[in-house]
Amino acid sequence: MEIKVNRQLEHGIERTLVPEDEVRAVVKRLGREITDYYAEQKDLDLIVIGLLRGSFVFMADLIRQIELPLVVDFMTVSSYGDGTVSTGDVKVVMDLDESI
């Protein structure tokens, strides 16, 4: 007998706010919109910038949907210092490698 464990409950997640299929549909739409917009911008290079750590999976899904050459870069910012409440003062911890 196989016991299926609900991974969301296992990680303390009580409910899903947006179903996975809806998120996938929006990511696909965004990728198409970005592709359409930048396909017309012949003089612009597309650089997709993500804030670590929270954007990594979303960005990976999004750039798979963009049908253009692009560069990916990341930066890390913090507004929490050593606490758990934002100070409102944003500090760049790791800046971009690419020049924008």
PDB file of N, CA and C in Angstrom:
ATOM      1  N   MET A   1       0.840  -1.178   0.000  1.00  0.00           N
ATOM      2  CA  MET A   1       0.000   0.000   0.000  1.00  0.00           C
ATOM      3  C   MET A   1       0.887   1.243   0.000  1.00  0.00           C
ATOM      4  N   GLU A   2       0.654   2.135  -0.961  1.00  0.00           N
ATOM      5  CA  GLU A   2       1.440   3.363  -1.072  1.00  0.00           C
ATOM      6  C   GLU A   2       0.712   4.487  -0.347  1.00  0.00           C
ATOM      7  N   ILE A   3       1.447   5.197   0.479  1.00  0.00           N
ATOM      8  CA  ILE A   3       0.872   6.337   1.193  1.00  0.00           C
ATOM      9  C   ILE A   3       1.370   7.601   0.528  1.00  0.00           C
ATOM     10  N   LYS A   4       0.447   8.429   0.040  1.00  0.00           N
ATOM     11  CA  LYS A   4       0.812   9.688  -0.593  1.00  0.00           C
ATOM     12  C   LYS A   4       0.842  10.777   0.480  1.00  0.00           C
ATOM     13  N   VAL A   5       1.925  11.500   0.513  1.00  0.00           N
ATOM     14  CA  VAL A   5       2.069  12.597   1.463  1.00  0.00           C
ATOM     15  C   VAL A   5       1.858  13.899   0.714  1.00  0.00           C
ATOM     16  N   ASN A   6       0.995  14.745   1.232  1.00  0.00           N
ATOM     17  CA  ASN A   6       0.786  16.054   0.644  1.00  0.00           C
ATOM     18  C   ASN A   6       1.999  16.912   0.995  1.00  0.00           C
ATOM     19  N   ARG A   7       2.853  17.197  -0.002  1.00  0.00           N
ATOM     20  CA  ARG A   7       4.083  17.944   0.254  1.00  0.00           C
ATOM     21  C   ARG A   7       3.813  19.343   0.786  1.00  0.00           C
ATOM     22  N   GLN A   8       2.696  19.931   0.399  1.00  0.00           N
ATOM     23  CA  GLN A   8       2.392  21.265   0.909  1.00  0.00           C
ATOM     24  C   GLN A   8       2.172  21.217   2.413  1.00  0.00           C
ATOM     25  N   LEU A   9       1.380  20.261   2.880  1.00  0.00           N
ATOM     26  CA  LEU A   9       1.140  20.143   4.312  1.00  0.00           C
ATOM     27  C   LEU A   9       2.426  19.810   5.049  1.00  0.00           C
ATOM     28  N   GLU A  10       3.259  19.018   4.402  1.00  0.00           N
ATOM     29  CA  GLU A  10       4.538  18.627   4.993  1.00  0.00           C
ATOM     30  C   GLU A  10       5.414  19.852   5.260  1.00  0.00           C
ATOM     31  N   HIS A  11       5.284  20.881   4.433  1.00  0.00           N
ATOM     32  CA  HIS A  11       6.088  22.094   4.579  1.00  0.00           C
ATOM     33  C   HIS A  11       5.326  23.215   5.292  1.00  0.00           C
ATOM     34  N   GLY A  12       4.225  22.906   5.909  1.00  0.00           N
ATOM     35  CA  GLY A  12       3.477  23.894   6.673  1.00  0.00           C
ATOM     36  C   GLY A  12       2.584  24.803   5.844  1.00  0.00           C
ATOM     37  N   ILE A  13       2.356  24.463   4.594  1.00  0.00           N
ATOM     38  CA  ILE A  13       1.488  25.265   3.736  1.00  0.00           C
ATOM     39  C   ILE A  13       0.068  24.738   3.894  1.00  0.00           C
ATOM     40  N   GLU A  14      -0.828  25.606   4.327  1.00  0.00           N
ATOM     41  CA  GLU A  14      -2.198  25.178   4.606  1.00  0.00           C
ATOM     42  C   GLU A  14      -3.109  25.211   3.393  1.00  0.00           C
ATOM     43  N   ARG A  15      -2.856  26.159   2.466  1.00  0.00           N
ATOM     44  CA  ARG A  15      -3.720  26.233   1.289  1.00  0.00           C
ATOM     45  C   ARG A  15      -2.967  26.868   0.135  1.00  0.00           C
ATOM     46  N   THR A  16      -3.430  26.586  -1.063  1.00  0.00           N
ATOM     47  CA  THR A  16      -2.853  27.135  -2.278  1.00  0.00           C
ATOM     48  C   THR A  16      -3.648  28.366  -2.676  1.00  0.00           C
ATOM     49  N   LEU A  17      -2.957  29.491  -2.834  1.00  0.00           N
ATOM     50  CA  LEU A  17      -3.645  30.723  -3.221  1.00  0.00           C
ATOM     51  C   LEU A  17      -3.926  30.766  -4.717  1.00  0.00           C
ATOM     52  N   VAL A  18      -2.941  30.356  -5.524  1.00  0.00           N
ATOM     53  CA  VAL A  18      -3.096  30.349  -6.978  1.00  0.00           C
ATOM     54  C   VAL A  18      -2.671  28.969  -7.467  1.00  0.00           C
ATOM     55  N   PRO A  19      -3.568  28.261  -8.113  1.00  0.00           N
ATOM     56  CA  PRO A  19      -3.234  26.920  -8.600  1.00  0.00           C
ATOM     57  C   PRO A  19      -2.086  26.951  -9.607  1.00  0.00           C
ATOM     58  N   GLU A  20      -1.311  25.875  -9.631  1.00  0.00           N
ATOM     59  CA  GLU A  20      -0.131  25.779 -10.489  1.00  0.00           C
ATOM     60  C   GLU A  20      -0.454  26.008 -11.954  1.00  0.00           C
ATOM     61  N   ASP A  21      -1.579  25.486 -12.435  1.00  0.00           N
ATOM     62  CA  ASP A  21      -1.912  25.664 -13.846  1.00  0.00           C
ATOM     63  C   ASP A  21      -2.168  27.131 -14.193  1.00  0.00           C
ATOM     64  N   GLU A  22      -2.700  27.903 -13.251  1.00  0.00           N
ATOM     65  CA  GLU A  22      -2.910  29.335 -13.493  1.00  0.00           C
ATOM     66  C   GLU A  22      -1.575  30.075 -13.542  1.00  0.00           C
ATOM     67  N   VAL A  23      -0.664  29.712 -12.660  1.00  0.00           N
ATOM     68  CA  VAL A  23       0.661  30.338 -12.660  1.00  0.00           C
ATOM     69  C   VAL A  23       1.359  30.039 -13.978  1.00  0.00           C
ATOM     70  N   ARG A  24       1.308  28.790 -14.427  1.00  0.00           N
ATOM     71  CA  ARG A  24       1.939  28.407 -15.704  1.00  0.00           C
ATOM     72  C   ARG A  24       1.349  29.201 -16.871  1.00  0.00           C
ATOM     73  N   ALA A  25       0.035  29.395 -16.867  1.00  0.00           N
ATOM     74  CA  ALA A  25      -0.620  30.136 -17.950  1.00  0.00           C
ATOM     75  C   ALA A  25      -0.169  31.595 -17.968  1.00  0.00           C
ATOM     76  N   VAL A  26      -0.036  32.202 -16.798  1.00  0.00           N
ATOM     77  CA  VAL A  26       0.402  33.598 -16.726  1.00  0.00           C
ATOM     78  C   VAL A  26       1.855  33.724 -17.159  1.00  0.00           C
ATOM     79  N   VAL A  27       2.707  32.802 -16.731  1.00  0.00           N
ATOM     80  CA  VAL A  27       4.116  32.834 -17.126  1.00  0.00           C
ATOM     81  C   VAL A  27       4.233  32.694 -18.642  1.00  0.00           C
ATOM     82  N   LYS A  28       3.449  31.805 -19.224  1.00  0.00           N
ATOM     83  CA  LYS A  28       3.466  31.625 -20.683  1.00  0.00           C
ATOM     84  C   LYS A  28       3.022  32.910 -21.390  1.00  0.00           C
ATOM     85  N   ARG A  29       1.972  33.555 -20.881  1.00  0.00           N
ATOM     86  CA  ARG A  29       1.482  34.809 -21.465  1.00  0.00           C
ATOM     87  C   ARG A  29       2.539  35.913 -21.354  1.00  0.00           C
ATOM     88  N   LEU A  30       3.174  36.017 -20.179  1.00  0.00           N
ATOM     89  CA  LEU A  30       4.215  37.025 -19.999  1.00  0.00           C
ATOM     90  C   LEU A  30       5.387  36.796 -20.952  1.00  0.00           C
ATOM     91  N   GLY A  31       5.789  35.536 -21.107  1.00  0.00           N
ATOM     92  CA  GLY A  31       6.863  35.209 -22.031  1.00  0.00           C
ATOM     93  C   GLY A  31       6.531  35.609 -23.449  1.00  0.00           C
ATOM     94  N   ARG A  32       5.286  35.371 -23.850  1.00  0.00           N
ATOM     95  CA  ARG A  32       4.836  35.746 -25.201  1.00  0.00           C
ATOM     96  C   ARG A  32       4.822  37.272 -25.352  1.00  0.00           C
ATOM     97  N   GLU A  33       4.348  37.993 -24.335  1.00  0.00           N
ATOM     98  CA  GLU A  33       4.303  39.455 -24.401  1.00  0.00           C
ATOM     99  C   GLU A  33       5.707  40.048 -24.462  1.00  0.00           C
ATOM    100  N   ILE A  34       6.623  39.514 -23.675  1.00  0.00           N
ATOM    101  CA  ILE A  34       8.002  39.995 -23.694  1.00  0.00           C
ATOM    102  C   ILE A  34       8.633  39.708 -25.051  1.00  0.00           C
ATOM    103  N   THR A  35       8.411  38.502 -25.567  1.00  0.00           N
ATOM    104  CA  THR A  35       8.933  38.135 -26.885  1.00  0.00           C
ATOM    105  C   THR A  35       8.413  39.091 -27.951  1.00  0.00           C
ATOM    106  N   ASP A  36       7.112  39.330 -27.968  1.00  0.00           N
ATOM    107  CA  ASP A  36       6.511  40.210 -28.968  1.00  0.00           C
ATOM    108  C   ASP A  36       7.064  41.635 -28.871  1.00  0.00           C
ATOM    109  N   TYR A  37       7.175  42.146 -27.656  1.00  0.00           N
ATOM    110  CA  TYR A  37       7.653  43.519 -27.465  1.00  0.00           C
ATOM    111  C   TYR A  37       9.103  43.665 -27.912  1.00  0.00           C
ATOM    112  N   TYR A  38       9.977  42.783 -27.436  1.00  0.00           N
ATOM    113  CA  TYR A  38      11.402  42.920 -27.730  1.00  0.00           C
ATOM    114  C   TYR A  38      11.764  42.475 -29.138  1.00  0.00           C
ATOM    115  N   ALA A  39      10.929  41.697 -29.782  1.00  0.00           N
ATOM    116  CA  ALA A  39      11.178  41.332 -31.187  1.00  0.00           C
ATOM    117  C   ALA A  39      11.130  42.570 -32.064  1.00  0.00           C
ATOM    118  N   GLU A  40      10.347  43.556 -31.657  1.00  0.00           N
ATOM    119  CA  GLU A  40      10.214  44.801 -32.412  1.00  0.00           C
ATOM    120  C   GLU A  40      11.294  45.820 -32.047  1.00  0.00           C
ATOM    121  N   GLN A  41      11.996  45.614 -30.952  1.00  0.00           N
ATOM    122  CA  GLN A  41      13.015  46.544 -30.463  1.00  0.00           C
ATOM    123  C   GLN A  41      14.391  46.074 -30.928  1.00  0.00           C
ATOM    124  N   LYS A  42      14.677  46.247 -32.195  1.00  0.00           N
ATOM    125  CA  LYS A  42      15.905  45.716 -32.801  1.00  0.00           C
ATOM    126  C   LYS A  42      17.176  46.279 -32.171  1.00  0.00           C
ATOM    127  N   ASP A  43      17.108  47.492 -31.622  1.00  0.00           N
ATOM    128  CA  ASP A  43      18.305  48.135 -31.083  1.00  0.00           C
ATOM    129  C   ASP A  43      18.521  47.855 -29.593  1.00  0.00           C
ATOM    130  N   LEU A  44      17.675  47.020 -28.987  1.00  0.00           N
ATOM    131  CA  LEU A  44      17.795  46.730 -27.556  1.00  0.00           C
ATOM    132  C   LEU A  44      18.185  45.280 -27.314  1.00  0.00           C
ATOM    133  N   ASP A  45      19.108  45.076 -26.381  1.00  0.00           N
ATOM    134  CA  ASP A  45      19.442  43.735 -25.920  1.00  0.00           C
ATOM    135  C   ASP A  45      18.580  43.434 -24.701  1.00  0.00           C
ATOM    136  N   LEU A  46      18.089  42.218 -24.625  1.00  0.00           N
ATOM    137  CA  LEU A  46      17.215  41.841 -23.522  1.00  0.00           C
ATOM    138  C   LEU A  46      18.041  41.260 -22.380  1.00  0.00           C
ATOM    139  N   ILE A  47      17.978  41.917 -21.231  1.00  0.00           N
ATOM    140  CA  ILE A  47      18.626  41.422 -20.018  1.00  0.00           C
ATOM    141  C   ILE A  47      17.530  41.190 -18.989  1.00  0.00           C
ATOM    142  N   VAL A  48      17.415  39.960 -18.518  1.00  0.00           N
ATOM    143  CA  VAL A  48      16.419  39.614 -17.506  1.00  0.00           C
ATOM    144  C   VAL A  48      17.144  39.588 -16.164  1.00  0.00           C
ATOM    145  N   ILE A  49      16.679  40.419 -15.235  1.00  0.00           N
ATOM    146  CA  ILE A  49      17.335  40.556 -13.934  1.00  0.00           C
ATOM    147  C   ILE A  49      16.422  40.022 -12.848  1.00  0.00           C
ATOM    148  N   GLY A  50      16.987  39.173 -12.018  1.00  0.00           N
ATOM    149  CA  GLY A  50      16.221  38.603 -10.906  1.00  0.00           C
ATOM    150  C   GLY A  50      16.838  38.964  -9.574  1.00  0.00           C
ATOM    151  N   LEU A  51      15.978  39.069  -8.578  1.00  0.00           N
ATOM    152  CA  LEU A  51      16.442  39.291  -7.215  1.00  0.00           C
ATOM    153  C   LEU A  51      16.564  37.939  -6.534  1.00  0.00           C
ATOM    154  N   LEU A  52      17.775  37.616  -6.096  1.00  0.00           N
ATOM    155  CA  LEU A  52      17.975  36.362  -5.380  1.00  0.00           C
ATOM    156  C   LEU A  52      17.412  36.536  -3.978  1.00  0.00           C
ATOM    157  N   ARG A  53      16.847  35.602  -3.512  1.00  0.00           N
ATOM    158  CA  ARG A  53      16.723  34.221  -3.830  1.00  0.00           C
ATOM    159  C   ARG A  53      15.338  33.896  -4.350  1.00  0.00           C
ATOM    160  N   GLY A  54      14.397  34.711  -4.069  1.00  0.00           N
ATOM    161  CA  GLY A  54      13.011  34.385  -4.337  1.00  0.00           C
ATOM    162  C   GLY A  54      12.598  34.276  -5.790  1.00  0.00           C
ATOM    163  N   SER A  55      13.358  34.853  -6.708  1.00  0.00           N
ATOM    164  CA  SER A  55      12.897  34.879  -8.095  1.00  0.00           C
ATOM    165  C   SER A  55      13.439  33.748  -8.949  1.00  0.00           C
ATOM    166  N   PHE A  56      14.349  32.938  -8.449  1.00  0.00           N
ATOM    167  CA  PHE A  56      15.077  31.987  -9.273  1.00  0.00           C
ATOM    168  C   PHE A  56      14.176  31.035 -10.059  1.00  0.00           C
ATOM    169  N   VAL A  57      13.252  30.366  -9.399  1.00  0.00           N
ATOM    170  CA  VAL A  57      12.397  29.383 -10.082  1.00  0.00           C
ATOM    171  C   VAL A  57      11.463  30.088 -11.061  1.00  0.00           C
ATOM    172  N   PHE A  58      10.875  31.204 -10.636  1.00  0.00           N
ATOM    173  CA  PHE A  58      10.002  31.963 -11.528  1.00  0.00           C
ATOM    174  C   PHE A  58      10.764  32.412 -12.768  1.00  0.00           C
ATOM    175  N   MET A  59      11.974  32.956 -12.582  1.00  0.00           N
ATOM    176  CA  MET A  59      12.762  33.416 -13.726  1.00  0.00           C
ATOM    177  C   MET A  59      13.109  32.280 -14.673  1.00  0.00           C
ATOM    178  N   ALA A  60      13.446  31.133 -14.118  1.00  0.00           N
ATOM    179  CA  ALA A  60      13.773  29.978 -14.967  1.00  0.00           C
ATOM    180  C   ALA A  60      12.575  29.619 -15.836  1.00  0.00           C
ATOM    181  N   ASP A  61      11.399  29.585 -15.234  1.00  0.00           N
ATOM    182  CA  ASP A  61      10.187  29.282 -16.000  1.00  0.00           C
ATOM    183  C   ASP A  61       9.912  30.364 -17.042  1.00  0.00           C
ATOM    184  N   LEU A  62      10.094  31.624 -16.655  1.00  0.00           N
ATOM    185  CA  LEU A  62       9.806  32.735 -17.569  1.00  0.00           C
ATOM    186  C   LEU A  62      10.758  32.747 -18.761  1.00  0.00           C
ATOM    187  N   ILE A  63      12.052  32.611 -18.531  1.00  0.00           N
ATOM    188  CA  ILE A  63      12.984  32.722 -19.662  1.00  0.00           C
ATOM    189  C   ILE A  63      12.840  31.557 -20.630  1.00  0.00           C
ATOM    190  N   ARG A  64      12.308  30.431 -20.152  1.00  0.00           N
ATOM    191  CA  ARG A  64      12.020  29.328 -21.078  1.00  0.00           C
ATOM    192  C   ARG A  64      10.914  29.704 -22.061  1.00  0.00           C
ATOM    193  N   GLN A  65      10.082  30.646 -21.689  1.00  0.00           N
ATOM    194  CA  GLN A  65       8.962  31.061 -22.536  1.00  0.00           C
ATOM    195  C   GLN A  65       9.313  32.231 -23.457  1.00  0.00           C
ATOM    196  N   ILE A  66      10.462  32.847 -23.241  1.00  0.00           N
ATOM    197  CA  ILE A  66      10.882  33.978 -24.069  1.00  0.00           C
ATOM    198  C   ILE A  66      11.674  33.429 -25.251  1.00  0.00           C
ATOM    199  N   GLU A  67      11.185  33.690 -26.442  1.00  0.00           N
ATOM    200  CA  GLU A  67      11.794  33.127 -27.650  1.00  0.00           C
ATOM    201  C   GLU A  67      12.709  34.136 -28.330  1.00  0.00           C
ATOM    202  N   LEU A  68      13.657  34.649 -27.552  1.00  0.00           N
ATOM    203  CA  LEU A  68      14.636  35.617 -28.048  1.00  0.00           C
ATOM    204  C   LEU A  68      15.963  35.370 -27.336  1.00  0.00           C
ATOM    205  N   PRO A  69      17.063  35.830 -27.954  1.00  0.00           N
ATOM    206  CA  PRO A  69      18.329  35.780 -27.221  1.00  0.00           C
ATOM    207  C   PRO A  69      18.239  36.711 -26.016  1.00  0.00           C
ATOM    208  N   LEU A  70      18.784  36.288 -24.909  1.00  0.00           N
ATOM    209  CA  LEU A  70      18.734  37.126 -23.719  1.00  0.00           C
ATOM    210  C   LEU A  70      19.907  36.808 -22.816  1.00  0.00           C
ATOM    211  N   VAL A  71      20.144  37.710 -21.892  1.00  0.00           N
ATOM    212  CA  VAL A  71      21.161  37.535 -20.861  1.00  0.00           C
ATOM    213  C   VAL A  71      20.441  37.536 -19.529  1.00  0.00           C
ATOM    214  N   VAL A  72      20.866  36.657 -18.636  1.00  0.00           N
ATOM    215  CA  VAL A  72      20.279  36.583 -17.305  1.00  0.00           C
ATOM    216  C   VAL A  72      21.313  37.061 -16.296  1.00  0.00           C
ATOM    217  N   ASP A  73      20.879  37.898 -15.384  1.00  0.00           N
ATOM    218  CA  ASP A  73      21.759  38.352 -14.310  1.00  0.00           C
ATOM    219  C   ASP A  73      20.952  38.405 -13.020  1.00  0.00           C
ATOM    220  N   PHE A  74      21.656  38.378 -11.926  1.00  0.00           N
ATOM    221  CA  PHE A  74      21.004  38.396 -10.619  1.00  0.00           C
ATOM    222  C   PHE A  74      21.652  39.438  -9.729  1.00  0.00           C
ATOM    223  N   MET A  75      20.872  39.924  -8.795  1.00  0.00           N
ATOM    224  CA  MET A  75      21.413  40.764  -7.745  1.00  0.00           C
ATOM    225  C   MET A  75      20.745  40.373  -6.434  1.00  0.00           C
ATOM    226  N   THR A  76      21.401  40.715  -5.358  1.00  0.00           N
ATOM    227  CA  THR A  76      20.847  40.448  -4.034  1.00  0.00           C
ATOM    228  C   THR A  76      20.723  41.777  -3.311  1.00  0.00           C
ATOM    229  N   VAL A  77      19.546  42.009  -2.767  1.00  0.00           N
ATOM    230  CA  VAL A  77      19.320  43.213  -1.973  1.00  0.00           C
ATOM    231  C   VAL A  77      18.743  42.802  -0.632  1.00  0.00           C
ATOM    232  N   SER A  78      18.878  43.695   0.337  1.00  0.00           N
ATOM    233  CA  SER A  78      18.340  43.407   1.662  1.00  0.00           C
ATOM    234  C   SER A  78      17.798  44.689   2.271  1.00  0.00           C
ATOM    235  N   SER A  79      16.680  44.562   2.927  1.00  0.00           N
ATOM    236  CA  SER A  79      16.150  45.686   3.697  1.00  0.00           C
ATOM    237  C   SER A  79      15.843  45.227   5.124  1.00  0.00           C
ATOM    238  N   TYR A  80      16.368  44.067   5.477  1.00  0.00           N
ATOM    239  CA  TYR A  80      16.071  43.495   6.785  1.00  0.00           C
ATOM    240  C   TYR A  80      17.224  43.598   7.769  1.00  0.00           C
ATOM    241  N   GLY A  81      18.432  43.835   7.296  1.00  0.00           N
ATOM    242  CA  GLY A  81      19.573  43.845   8.202  1.00  0.00           C
ATOM    243  C   GLY A  81      19.665  42.499   8.901  1.00  0.00           C
ATOM    244  N   ASP A  82      19.800  42.518  10.201  1.00  0.00           N
ATOM    245  CA  ASP A  82      19.879  41.279  10.973  1.00  0.00           C
ATOM    246  C   ASP A  82      18.520  40.846  11.506  1.00  0.00           C
ATOM    247  N   GLY A  83      17.475  41.641  11.252  1.00  0.00           N
ATOM    248  CA  GLY A  83      16.165  41.342  11.814  1.00  0.00           C
ATOM    249  C   GLY A  83      15.239  40.641  10.840  1.00  0.00           C
ATOM    250  N   THR A  84      13.980  40.579  11.226  1.00  0.00           N
ATOM    251  CA  THR A  84      12.963  39.952  10.393  1.00  0.00           C
ATOM    252  C   THR A  84      11.926  40.960   9.918  1.00  0.00           C
ATOM    253  N   VAL A  85      12.125  42.224  10.254  1.00  0.00           N
ATOM    254  CA  VAL A  85      11.229  43.292   9.825  1.00  0.00           C
ATOM    255  C   VAL A  85      12.038  44.273   8.985  1.00  0.00           C
ATOM    256  N   SER A  86      11.495  44.672   7.844  1.00  0.00           N
ATOM    257  CA  SER A  86      12.206  45.573   6.946  1.00  0.00           C
ATOM    258  C   SER A  86      12.499  46.906   7.626  1.00  0.00           C
ATOM    259  N   THR A  87      13.720  47.379   7.391  1.00  0.00           N
ATOM    260  CA  THR A  87      14.105  48.697   7.903  1.00  0.00           C
ATOM    261  C   THR A  87      13.652  49.798   6.958  1.00  0.00           C
ATOM    262  N   GLY A  88      13.288  49.418   5.720  1.00  0.00           N
ATOM    263  CA  GLY A  88      12.913  50.394   4.704  1.00  0.00           C
ATOM    264  C   GLY A  88      14.122  50.933   3.958  1.00  0.00           C
ATOM    265  N   ASP A  89      15.311  50.606   4.423  1.00  0.00           N
ATOM    266  CA  ASP A  89      16.554  51.031   3.789  1.00  0.00           C
ATOM    267  C   ASP A  89      17.107  49.856   2.987  1.00  0.00           C
ATOM    268  N   VAL A  90      17.048  49.950   1.658  1.00  0.00           N
ATOM    269  CA  VAL A  90      17.471  48.845   0.797  1.00  0.00           C
ATOM    270  C   VAL A  90      18.977  48.919   0.568  1.00  0.00           C
ATOM    271  N   LYS A  91      19.651  47.817   0.846  1.00  0.00           N
ATOM    272  CA  LYS A  91      21.105  47.723   0.671  1.00  0.00           C
ATOM    273  C   LYS A  91      21.390  46.705  -0.431  1.00  0.00           C
ATOM    274  N   VAL A  92      22.219  47.084  -1.412  1.00  0.00           N
ATOM    275  CA  VAL A  92      22.628  46.159  -2.458  1.00  0.00           C
ATOM    276  C   VAL A  92      23.740  45.285  -1.886  1.00  0.00           C
ATOM    277  N   VAL A  93      23.450  43.991  -1.760  1.00  0.00           N
ATOM    278  CA  VAL A  93      24.410  43.041  -1.212  1.00  0.00           C
ATOM    279  C   VAL A  93      25.292  42.486  -2.329  1.00  0.00           C
ATOM    280  N   MET A  94      24.691  42.162  -3.479  1.00  0.00           N
ATOM    281  CA  MET A  94      25.427  41.681  -4.643  1.00  0.00           C
ATOM    282  C   MET A  94      24.847  42.391  -5.862  1.00  0.00           C
ATOM    283  N   ASP A  95      25.676  43.138  -6.556  1.00  0.00           N
ATOM    284  CA  ASP A  95      25.215  43.904  -7.707  1.00  0.00           C
ATOM    285  C   ASP A  95      25.304  43.062  -8.987  1.00  0.00           C
ATOM    286  N   LEU A  96      24.802  43.626 -10.062  1.00  0.00           N
ATOM    287  CA  LEU A  96      24.798  42.956 -11.359  1.00  0.00           C
ATOM    288  C   LEU A  96      26.208  42.809 -11.916  1.00  0.00           C
ATOM    289  N   ASP A  97      26.426  41.726 -12.664  1.00  0.00           N
ATOM    290  CA  ASP A  97      27.675  41.559 -13.395  1.00  0.00           C
ATOM    291  C   ASP A  97      27.600  42.268 -14.739  1.00  0.00           C
ATOM    292  N   GLU A  98      26.393  42.272 -15.335  1.00  0.00           N
ATOM    293  CA  GLU A  98      26.184  42.913 -16.642  1.00  0.00           C
ATOM    294  C   GLU A  98      25.998  44.412 -16.491  1.00  0.00           C
ATOM    295  N   SER A  99      26.489  45.153 -17.459  1.00  0.00           N
ATOM    296  CA  SER A  99      26.276  46.593 -17.482  1.00  0.00           C
ATOM    297  C   SER A  99      24.905  46.876 -18.105  1.00  0.00           C
ATOM    298  N   ILE A 100      24.114  47.671 -17.424  1.00  0.00           N
ATOM    299  CA  ILE A 100      22.815  48.032 -17.979  1.00  0.00           C
ATOM    300  C   ILE A 100      22.794  49.520 -18.274  1.00  0.00           C
TER     301      ILE A 100
END
